[in-house]
């Protein structure tokens, strides 16, 4: 978006008004692939029967099915993979306002040497040779602070990608093939982008990457994520800093101490554990199990007493027995996560799990998913009820999506887009409610996942 806008393109949210349509796709699970294909076909109609002159497909689906997209959907004019973002202007047929002369100050950072990362690969964390169907050339694009960008989020909140790619060999996942090997952005680059965003009015920064907890390892940084969080918290006008997607065995004492050290660093940890039965985790190429996880969770809660814990699990993984599933259910009851998502296993050609035997039927996978979420619903209901009467800082987001009569927002316990909603049902007379403002609130009522609060 930033590259197109800098070149003079005017962005529109209405596809019917567009001369060029760019579709960013996902290929992580089957449902995401189908949604991507459906969107391409839907947008193709704007070219055949509407105003659109060019249709560009970008993102992960291109890494998997580049040739098929171009062959089977003739309306598509160009494809742009995850490592080809700088090609978007040519793909869209847009000529920049002024000729861009290549210089040493290029806004694109292409990493071609990964000595430390290659050393990790040699130690067995990741090897391209392990992956059947690996793309011919792994993506290596990585943006930096000089790369133009436009916020697709509200002006008070922004995501910053601190790393790209992944080196973990999880059997269910094809991200290393779609996104390439793990590579961190320079420390100074992340800080510079954050400072610029805060200067423009951003008050909440969410750090993301396929694996944020490995941040800096390939740059020789020890506890890089902890150092980064502490430095970001020193930016004067930032209010909240959080990060998503922590790998379980990378949650160090130093990282937890960093979270506990500053009120600006949200006491929030998103650790996708994927399962709790050791047998299934071994098949997933992840390791550990319920006992180890419970000890780790106890440590998190000891060092950061008010921590909010979120996780995700895959149910119905090939070979998951009824006993394995019961182990997972008992673990969820014991751990009492604040937020939990459950996904049915999705077969992905190219992932190691694709070749595994003992696949479960879709109906059984869905039954287990619903059962696990029902358990979590009761845990969430109990934990939310315990919050009645407690006070929190609240970030207002705007009128409720359910009714214009109520406003909604989030506390530090709520990451953008993925967690429950906080509904404002009372505010003192004379207070003007504005999206992006922070207020102190008190919880007055709770539901299974959502809260109702009064602004103090």
Foldseek 3Di string as FASTA:
>chain_A
DQVCVQLPDDDDPDLQPDQEAEQEADDWFPVRVVVSVVVQVVSLCCCVPGRHVAYEYEEQVCLQQVPVCVVVPVSHQYYYAPQRVVCVCVSRVGGGPDDDDDDPVDQWDFDDDQPLLVVVVVVPQADPVVWPPAGPDARRTDGFLPRGDDAPDPLQEGEDEFKWADSHQFQQGDRCRRTNYIDGDDLVRRLNNLLVSVVSNHQEYEYEYQELLCHCSSVVDDRVSLVSLLVSLPNPRHQAYEYEEHEQVSCDPSNLLSCQVDNRYQLEYEYAPAFAQQVVCVVRSRGDHLVVVQVSLVSSCVSRVVHAYEYEYEFQQAPCDPVRLVSRLVSCLVSLHLYYYYHYRGQDPRRNSNPGDRGDDPVVSVVSRVVSVVSNLVSNFVVQVVQAFPKFKWQWAAADPVDNQWTWTDGSSDDPPPFEIEIEDEEDPPDDDDHGDIFMWGFHDDDSGYTYIYTD
